[in-house]
Amino acid sequence: MEPRLDFYKASPQAIKAMIGLEERIGKSALEKSLMELVRLRASQINGCAYCVDMHTADARKGGETDRRLATVVVWRETPFFTDRERAALEWTEALTLVSHEHVPDSVWAAVRPHFSDEEIVDLTLLVSAINSWNRFAIAFRKLPA
């Protein structure tokens, strides 16, 4: 598979806008480890090899264990994640697959007790941003180095 287009060079202003989202996310109260789990899970769902590779490496650098990283894809069947992380992963899946069930009330009920209003908005921005990055990387075939 060959890369199609260097989107960073093709439209620096578009990437600048995306980086603006990341700067806001970075200032949120969300834990860095949680952010990487969310980014990884959305990237797995979307099949973005570049982003799965990058966020796995970033999570490891942040202290995440190989065991948890290997089981993000099956987080429901493992005891390795906190209730807050589980709620975030469920929210991530519902938003990433929004056309399937339009974020059911049960998912809202699961996320609500674990996050403040601002955190839910920031979590939603995080999920939206990683889904956008996945679409850039997949469409233009950005490959892991």
N, C-alpha and C. Protein backbone atom coordinates (compact mmCIF):
# COMPACT_ATOMS: atom_id res chain seq x y z
N MET A 1 0.85 -1.17 0.00
CA MET A 1 0.00 0.00 0.00
C MET A 1 0.90 1.24 0.00
N GLU A 2 0.57 2.19 -0.80
CA GLU A 2 1.34 3.42 -0.92
C GLU A 2 0.54 4.61 -0.40
N PRO A 3 1.20 5.54 0.27
CA PRO A 3 0.51 6.77 0.69
C PRO A 3 -0.05 7.50 -0.52
N ARG A 4 -1.20 8.15 -0.35
CA ARG A 4 -1.84 8.87 -1.45
C ARG A 4 -1.48 10.34 -1.48
N LEU A 5 -1.38 10.94 -0.29
CA LEU A 5 -1.24 12.38 -0.22
C LEU A 5 -0.71 12.75 1.16
N ASP A 6 0.21 13.70 1.21
CA ASP A 6 0.68 14.23 2.49
C ASP A 6 -0.25 15.36 2.87
N PHE A 7 -1.23 15.06 3.69
CA PHE A 7 -2.26 16.06 4.02
C PHE A 7 -1.71 17.21 4.86
N TYR A 8 -0.62 16.99 5.56
CA TYR A 8 0.02 18.07 6.31
C TYR A 8 0.53 19.14 5.35
N LYS A 9 1.14 18.72 4.26
CA LYS A 9 1.67 19.66 3.26
C LYS A 9 0.57 20.22 2.36
N ALA A 10 -0.41 19.38 2.04
CA ALA A 10 -1.45 19.78 1.09
C ALA A 10 -2.34 20.90 1.63
N SER A 11 -2.60 20.90 2.93
CA SER A 11 -3.46 21.93 3.52
C SER A 11 -3.05 22.21 4.96
N PRO A 12 -1.98 22.96 5.13
CA PRO A 12 -1.51 23.26 6.49
C PRO A 12 -2.57 23.94 7.35
N GLN A 13 -3.45 24.71 6.76
CA GLN A 13 -4.48 25.40 7.55
C GLN A 13 -5.51 24.40 8.10
N ALA A 14 -5.81 23.38 7.34
CA ALA A 14 -6.72 22.34 7.84
C ALA A 14 -6.09 21.63 9.04
N ILE A 15 -4.83 21.32 8.93
CA ILE A 15 -4.14 20.64 10.02
C ILE A 15 -4.00 21.57 11.23
N LYS A 16 -3.79 22.85 10.97
CA LYS A 16 -3.74 23.83 12.06
C LYS A 16 -5.06 23.82 12.83
N ALA A 17 -6.18 23.72 12.14
CA ALA A 17 -7.48 23.65 12.80
C ALA A 17 -7.60 22.39 13.64
N MET A 18 -7.12 21.27 13.11
CA MET A 18 -7.16 20.01 13.87
C MET A 18 -6.27 20.11 15.10
N ILE A 19 -5.12 20.72 14.97
CA ILE A 19 -4.21 20.88 16.10
C ILE A 19 -4.85 21.77 17.16
N GLY A 20 -5.65 22.74 16.74
CA GLY A 20 -6.39 23.56 17.70
C GLY A 20 -7.32 22.72 18.57
N LEU A 21 -7.98 21.74 17.97
CA LEU A 21 -8.81 20.81 18.75
C LEU A 21 -7.95 20.06 19.77
N GLU A 22 -6.80 19.58 19.32
CA GLU A 22 -5.91 18.83 20.21
C GLU A 22 -5.40 19.70 21.36
N GLU A 23 -5.14 20.96 21.08
CA GLU A 23 -4.69 21.86 22.16
C GLU A 23 -5.78 22.01 23.21
N ARG A 24 -7.03 22.15 22.80
CA ARG A 24 -8.14 22.24 23.75
C ARG A 24 -8.27 20.95 24.55
N ILE A 25 -8.18 19.83 23.88
CA ILE A 25 -8.28 18.54 24.55
C ILE A 25 -7.16 18.40 25.58
N GLY A 26 -5.97 18.83 25.22
CA GLY A 26 -4.83 18.75 26.12
C GLY A 26 -4.99 19.58 27.38
N LYS A 27 -5.82 20.61 27.33
CA LYS A 27 -6.08 21.47 28.49
C LYS A 27 -7.26 20.98 29.33
N SER A 28 -7.90 19.92 28.89
CA SER A 28 -9.07 19.41 29.61
C SER A 28 -8.63 18.70 30.89
N ALA A 29 -9.61 18.37 31.72
CA ALA A 29 -9.35 17.65 32.97
C ALA A 29 -9.24 16.13 32.76
N LEU A 30 -9.43 15.68 31.54
CA LEU A 30 -9.34 14.24 31.27
C LEU A 30 -7.91 13.75 31.47
N GLU A 31 -7.79 12.58 32.07
CA GLU A 31 -6.49 11.99 32.32
C GLU A 31 -5.83 11.60 30.99
N LYS A 32 -4.52 11.80 30.92
CA LYS A 32 -3.78 11.46 29.69
C LYS A 32 -3.92 9.98 29.35
N SER A 33 -3.87 9.13 30.36
CA SER A 33 -4.00 7.70 30.10
C SER A 33 -5.37 7.36 29.51
N LEU A 34 -6.41 8.00 30.02
CA LEU A 34 -7.76 7.79 29.50
C LEU A 34 -7.85 8.26 28.05
N MET A 35 -7.24 9.41 27.77
CA MET A 35 -7.26 9.94 26.40
C MET A 35 -6.64 8.94 25.42
N GLU A 36 -5.53 8.33 25.82
CA GLU A 36 -4.88 7.39 24.91
C GLU A 36 -5.71 6.13 24.72
N LEU A 37 -6.38 5.66 25.76
CA LEU A 37 -7.27 4.50 25.61
C LEU A 37 -8.40 4.82 24.64
N VAL A 38 -8.97 6.01 24.75
CA VAL A 38 -10.06 6.44 23.86
C VAL A 38 -9.54 6.53 22.43
N ARG A 39 -8.40 7.15 22.25
CA ARG A 39 -7.83 7.28 20.90
C ARG A 39 -7.54 5.91 20.30
N LEU A 40 -7.01 5.02 21.11
CA LEU A 40 -6.70 3.68 20.63
C LEU A 40 -7.97 2.93 20.25
N ARG A 41 -8.98 2.98 21.11
CA ARG A 41 -10.21 2.22 20.82
C ARG A 41 -10.90 2.72 19.56
N ALA A 42 -11.02 4.03 19.40
CA ALA A 42 -11.65 4.56 18.17
C ALA A 42 -10.84 4.16 16.95
N SER A 43 -9.53 4.22 17.06
CA SER A 43 -8.66 3.85 15.93
C SER A 43 -8.78 2.38 15.59
N GLN A 44 -8.95 1.53 16.60
CA GLN A 44 -9.18 0.10 16.34
C GLN A 44 -10.48 -0.10 15.58
N ILE A 45 -11.54 0.55 16.04
CA ILE A 45 -12.84 0.41 15.39
C ILE A 45 -12.76 0.86 13.93
N ASN A 46 -12.07 1.97 13.71
CA ASN A 46 -11.98 2.53 12.36
C ASN A 46 -10.96 1.81 11.48
N GLY A 47 -10.13 0.96 12.07
CA GLY A 47 -9.14 0.24 11.29
C GLY A 47 -8.01 1.12 10.81
N CYS A 48 -7.61 2.08 11.63
CA CYS A 48 -6.54 3.01 11.27
C CYS A 48 -5.21 2.50 11.81
N ALA A 49 -4.44 1.84 10.97
CA ALA A 49 -3.17 1.24 11.38
C ALA A 49 -2.20 2.30 11.91
N TYR A 50 -2.10 3.43 11.22
CA TYR A 50 -1.19 4.49 11.65
C TYR A 50 -1.53 4.94 13.07
N CYS A 51 -2.80 5.22 13.32
CA CYS A 51 -3.22 5.73 14.63
C CYS A 51 -3.16 4.67 15.72
N VAL A 52 -3.47 3.42 15.41
CA VAL A 52 -3.34 2.35 16.40
C VAL A 52 -1.88 2.24 16.83
N ASP A 53 -0.98 2.26 15.86
CA ASP A 53 0.45 2.18 16.16
C ASP A 53 0.89 3.37 17.01
N MET A 54 0.52 4.57 16.61
CA MET A 54 0.95 5.78 17.31
C MET A 54 0.39 5.83 18.73
N HIS A 55 -0.89 5.55 18.90
CA HIS A 55 -1.49 5.69 20.23
C HIS A 55 -1.11 4.54 21.17
N THR A 56 -0.79 3.40 20.63
CA THR A 56 -0.24 2.33 21.46
C THR A 56 1.13 2.75 21.99
N ALA A 57 1.96 3.29 21.11
CA ALA A 57 3.29 3.76 21.52
C ALA A 57 3.18 4.90 22.52
N ASP A 58 2.29 5.87 22.25
CA ASP A 58 2.12 7.00 23.17
C ASP A 58 1.63 6.54 24.55
N ALA A 59 0.71 5.57 24.54
CA ALA A 59 0.19 5.05 25.81
C ALA A 59 1.31 4.36 26.60
N ARG A 60 2.13 3.59 25.92
CA ARG A 60 3.26 2.92 26.58
C ARG A 60 4.20 3.95 27.20
N LYS A 61 4.50 5.00 26.44
CA LYS A 61 5.38 6.06 26.95
C LYS A 61 4.78 6.71 28.20
N GLY A 62 3.45 6.75 28.26
CA GLY A 62 2.76 7.32 29.42
C GLY A 62 2.62 6.36 30.58
N GLY A 63 3.15 5.15 30.44
CA GLY A 63 3.11 4.19 31.53
C GLY A 63 2.06 3.11 31.42
N GLU A 64 1.33 3.07 30.32
CA GLU A 64 0.29 2.05 30.14
C GLU A 64 0.94 0.68 29.98
N THR A 65 0.28 -0.35 30.51
CA THR A 65 0.82 -1.70 30.44
C THR A 65 0.45 -2.38 29.12
N ASP A 66 1.31 -3.31 28.70
CA ASP A 66 1.03 -4.08 27.50
C ASP A 66 -0.26 -4.88 27.64
N ARG A 67 -0.49 -5.38 28.85
CA ARG A 67 -1.69 -6.19 29.07
C ARG A 67 -2.96 -5.39 28.81
N ARG A 68 -3.03 -4.19 29.35
CA ARG A 68 -4.22 -3.36 29.13
C ARG A 68 -4.32 -2.94 27.66
N LEU A 69 -3.21 -2.59 27.06
CA LEU A 69 -3.24 -2.19 25.65
C LEU A 69 -3.72 -3.34 24.77
N ALA A 70 -3.30 -4.53 25.06
CA ALA A 70 -3.70 -5.70 24.27
C ALA A 70 -5.17 -6.03 24.43
N THR A 71 -5.76 -5.60 25.54
CA THR A 71 -7.16 -5.97 25.80
C THR A 71 -8.15 -4.82 25.65
N VAL A 72 -7.70 -3.68 25.18
CA VAL A 72 -8.64 -2.57 24.93
C VAL A 72 -9.74 -3.03 23.97
N VAL A 73 -9.36 -3.80 22.99
CA VAL A 73 -10.31 -4.26 21.99
C VAL A 73 -11.41 -5.15 22.59
N VAL A 74 -11.13 -5.77 23.73
CA VAL A 74 -12.11 -6.63 24.41
C VAL A 74 -12.35 -6.16 25.85
N TRP A 75 -12.38 -4.87 26.04
CA TRP A 75 -12.44 -4.27 27.38
C TRP A 75 -13.62 -4.77 28.20
N ARG A 76 -14.73 -5.11 27.58
CA ARG A 76 -15.91 -5.58 28.32
C ARG A 76 -15.65 -6.92 29.01
N GLU A 77 -14.75 -7.72 28.43
CA GLU A 77 -14.51 -9.06 28.93
C GLU A 77 -13.30 -9.17 29.86
N THR A 78 -12.75 -8.04 30.27
CA THR A 78 -11.57 -8.08 31.15
C THR A 78 -11.82 -7.28 32.42
N PRO A 79 -11.07 -7.57 33.47
CA PRO A 79 -11.20 -6.82 34.72
C PRO A 79 -10.18 -5.68 34.84
N PHE A 80 -9.52 -5.33 33.75
CA PHE A 80 -8.37 -4.44 33.81
C PHE A 80 -8.68 -2.95 33.75
N PHE A 81 -9.93 -2.58 33.59
CA PHE A 81 -10.30 -1.18 33.39
C PHE A 81 -11.23 -0.69 34.50
N THR A 82 -11.05 0.56 34.89
CA THR A 82 -11.90 1.15 35.92
C THR A 82 -13.29 1.42 35.37
N ASP A 83 -14.23 1.69 36.25
CA ASP A 83 -15.58 2.04 35.80
C ASP A 83 -15.57 3.30 34.95
N ARG A 84 -14.74 4.27 35.31
CA ARG A 84 -14.63 5.50 34.52
C ARG A 84 -14.08 5.21 33.12
N GLU A 85 -13.05 4.37 33.04
CA GLU A 85 -12.50 4.01 31.74
C GLU A 85 -13.52 3.23 30.91
N ARG A 86 -14.24 2.34 31.56
CA ARG A 86 -15.26 1.56 30.85
C ARG A 86 -16.35 2.48 30.28
N ALA A 87 -16.75 3.45 31.07
CA ALA A 87 -17.76 4.40 30.60
C ALA A 87 -17.23 5.19 29.40
N ALA A 88 -15.98 5.61 29.47
CA ALA A 88 -15.37 6.37 28.36
C ALA A 88 -15.24 5.50 27.11
N LEU A 89 -14.87 4.25 27.28
CA LEU A 89 -14.73 3.36 26.14
C LEU A 89 -16.09 3.07 25.50
N GLU A 90 -17.10 2.92 26.33
CA GLU A 90 -18.44 2.70 25.79
C GLU A 90 -18.93 3.94 25.04
N TRP A 91 -18.68 5.12 25.60
CA TRP A 91 -19.03 6.39 24.94
C TRP A 91 -18.29 6.51 23.60
N THR A 92 -17.03 6.14 23.61
CA THR A 92 -16.21 6.18 22.40
C THR A 92 -16.80 5.28 21.32
N GLU A 93 -17.15 4.08 21.68
CA GLU A 93 -17.71 3.15 20.70
C GLU A 93 -19.03 3.67 20.15
N ALA A 94 -19.89 4.18 21.02
CA ALA A 94 -21.19 4.68 20.57
C ALA A 94 -21.04 5.87 19.62
N LEU A 95 -20.13 6.77 19.94
CA LEU A 95 -19.94 7.94 19.06
C LEU A 95 -19.24 7.57 17.77
N THR A 96 -18.29 6.67 17.84
CA THR A 96 -17.57 6.24 16.64
C THR A 96 -18.50 5.50 15.70
N LEU A 97 -19.42 4.74 16.25
CA LEU A 97 -20.39 3.97 15.47
C LEU A 97 -21.78 4.62 15.54
N VAL A 98 -21.82 5.93 15.54
CA VAL A 98 -23.06 6.67 15.80
C VAL A 98 -24.20 6.29 14.85
N SER A 99 -23.89 5.89 13.64
CA SER A 99 -24.95 5.53 12.70
C SER A 99 -25.66 4.24 13.09
N HIS A 100 -25.07 3.45 13.96
CA HIS A 100 -25.67 2.17 14.35
C HIS A 100 -26.85 2.34 15.31
N GLU A 101 -26.65 3.12 16.38
CA GLU A 101 -27.70 3.24 17.39
C GLU A 101 -27.92 4.65 17.90
N HIS A 102 -27.22 5.62 17.34
CA HIS A 102 -27.39 7.02 17.72
C HIS A 102 -27.21 7.28 19.22
N VAL A 103 -26.23 6.68 19.83
CA VAL A 103 -25.88 6.83 21.24
C VAL A 103 -27.11 6.57 22.12
N PRO A 104 -27.35 5.33 22.42
CA PRO A 104 -28.54 4.96 23.20
C PRO A 104 -28.52 5.55 24.61
N ASP A 105 -29.71 5.64 25.18
CA ASP A 105 -29.85 6.16 26.54
C ASP A 105 -29.03 5.34 27.54
N SER A 106 -28.88 4.06 27.30
CA SER A 106 -28.11 3.22 28.22
C SER A 106 -26.64 3.64 28.25
N VAL A 107 -26.11 4.10 27.14
CA VAL A 107 -24.72 4.56 27.08
C VAL A 107 -24.61 5.90 27.82
N TRP A 108 -25.58 6.76 27.62
CA TRP A 108 -25.61 8.04 28.35
C TRP A 108 -25.66 7.77 29.86
N ALA A 109 -26.51 6.84 30.25
CA ALA A 109 -26.65 6.51 31.68
C ALA A 109 -25.35 5.94 32.24
N ALA A 110 -24.59 5.25 31.43
CA ALA A 110 -23.32 4.67 31.89
C ALA A 110 -22.23 5.73 32.04
N VAL A 111 -22.20 6.72 31.17
CA VAL A 111 -21.14 7.72 31.20
C VAL A 111 -21.42 8.84 32.21
N ARG A 112 -22.67 9.15 32.42
CA ARG A 112 -23.07 10.31 33.22
C ARG A 112 -22.53 10.32 34.66
N PRO A 113 -22.56 9.21 35.36
CA PRO A 113 -22.08 9.25 36.76
C PRO A 113 -20.57 9.44 36.91
N HIS A 114 -19.82 9.21 35.84
CA HIS A 114 -18.36 9.19 35.94
C HIS A 114 -17.67 10.46 35.44
N PHE A 115 -18.43 11.35 34.82
CA PHE A 115 -17.85 12.54 34.22
C PHE A 115 -18.72 13.76 34.50
N SER A 116 -18.07 14.90 34.73
CA SER A 116 -18.80 16.17 34.87
C SER A 116 -19.33 16.58 33.50
N ASP A 117 -20.19 17.58 33.49
CA ASP A 117 -20.71 18.08 32.22
C ASP A 117 -19.57 18.50 31.29
N GLU A 118 -18.62 19.25 31.83
CA GLU A 118 -17.50 19.71 31.00
C GLU A 118 -16.67 18.53 30.51
N GLU A 119 -16.45 17.55 31.35
CA GLU A 119 -15.68 16.39 30.94
C GLU A 119 -16.38 15.60 29.84
N ILE A 120 -17.71 15.50 29.91
CA ILE A 120 -18.45 14.80 28.85
C ILE A 120 -18.29 15.53 27.53
N VAL A 121 -18.35 16.85 27.57
CA VAL A 121 -18.15 17.63 26.34
C VAL A 121 -16.72 17.42 25.83
N ASP A 122 -15.74 17.47 26.73
CA ASP A 122 -14.34 17.28 26.33
C ASP A 122 -14.10 15.86 25.82
N LEU A 123 -14.71 14.87 26.45
CA LEU A 123 -14.60 13.49 25.99
C LEU A 123 -15.20 13.37 24.59
N THR A 124 -16.30 14.02 24.35
CA THR A 124 -16.95 13.99 23.04
C THR A 124 -16.06 14.67 22.00
N LEU A 125 -15.43 15.78 22.38
CA LEU A 125 -14.49 16.45 21.47
C LEU A 125 -13.31 15.52 21.15
N LEU A 126 -12.81 14.84 22.16
CA LEU A 126 -11.71 13.89 21.97
C LEU A 126 -12.10 12.79 20.99
N VAL A 127 -13.27 12.21 21.17
CA VAL A 127 -13.73 11.14 20.28
C VAL A 127 -13.92 11.69 18.86
N SER A 128 -14.49 12.88 18.76
CA SER A 128 -14.68 13.49 17.45
C SER A 128 -13.35 13.75 16.76
N ALA A 129 -12.38 14.26 17.52
CA ALA A 129 -11.07 14.57 16.94
C ALA A 129 -10.36 13.31 16.46
N ILE A 130 -10.33 12.25 17.28
CA ILE A 130 -9.62 11.05 16.84
C ILE A 130 -10.32 10.42 15.64
N ASN A 131 -11.62 10.48 15.60
CA ASN A 131 -12.32 9.97 14.42
C ASN A 131 -11.95 10.77 13.18
N SER A 132 -11.79 12.08 13.33
CA SER A 132 -11.36 12.90 12.19
C SER A 132 -9.93 12.56 11.77
N TRP A 133 -9.03 12.45 12.75
CA TRP A 133 -7.66 12.06 12.41
C TRP A 133 -7.63 10.70 11.72
N ASN A 134 -8.43 9.76 12.20
CA ASN A 134 -8.50 8.44 11.56
C ASN A 134 -8.92 8.56 10.11
N ARG A 135 -9.88 9.42 9.84
CA ARG A 135 -10.37 9.57 8.48
C ARG A 135 -9.31 10.18 7.57
N PHE A 136 -8.55 11.15 8.09
CA PHE A 136 -7.43 11.69 7.31
C PHE A 136 -6.42 10.59 7.01
N ALA A 137 -6.00 9.87 8.05
CA ALA A 137 -4.95 8.87 7.89
C ALA A 137 -5.40 7.73 6.97
N ILE A 138 -6.65 7.29 7.10
CA ILE A 138 -7.15 6.20 6.27
C ILE A 138 -7.34 6.66 4.83
N ALA A 139 -7.97 7.80 4.63
CA ALA A 139 -8.25 8.29 3.26
C ALA A 139 -6.98 8.50 2.46
N PHE A 140 -5.95 9.02 3.12
CA PHE A 140 -4.72 9.35 2.41
C PHE A 140 -3.61 8.32 2.63
N ARG A 141 -3.98 7.21 3.28
CA ARG A 141 -3.09 6.07 3.50
C ARG A 141 -1.78 6.44 4.18
N LYS A 142 -1.91 7.11 5.31
CA LYS A 142 -0.72 7.41 6.11
C LYS A 142 -0.30 6.10 6.79
N LEU A 143 0.94 5.73 6.62
CA LEU A 143 1.43 4.44 7.08
C LEU A 143 2.28 4.57 8.34
N PRO A 144 2.22 3.55 9.21
CA PRO A 144 3.12 3.56 10.37
C PRO A 144 4.56 3.53 9.88
N ALA A 145 5.41 4.21 10.62
CA ALA A 145 6.84 4.26 10.21
C ALA A 145 7.59 3.05 10.72
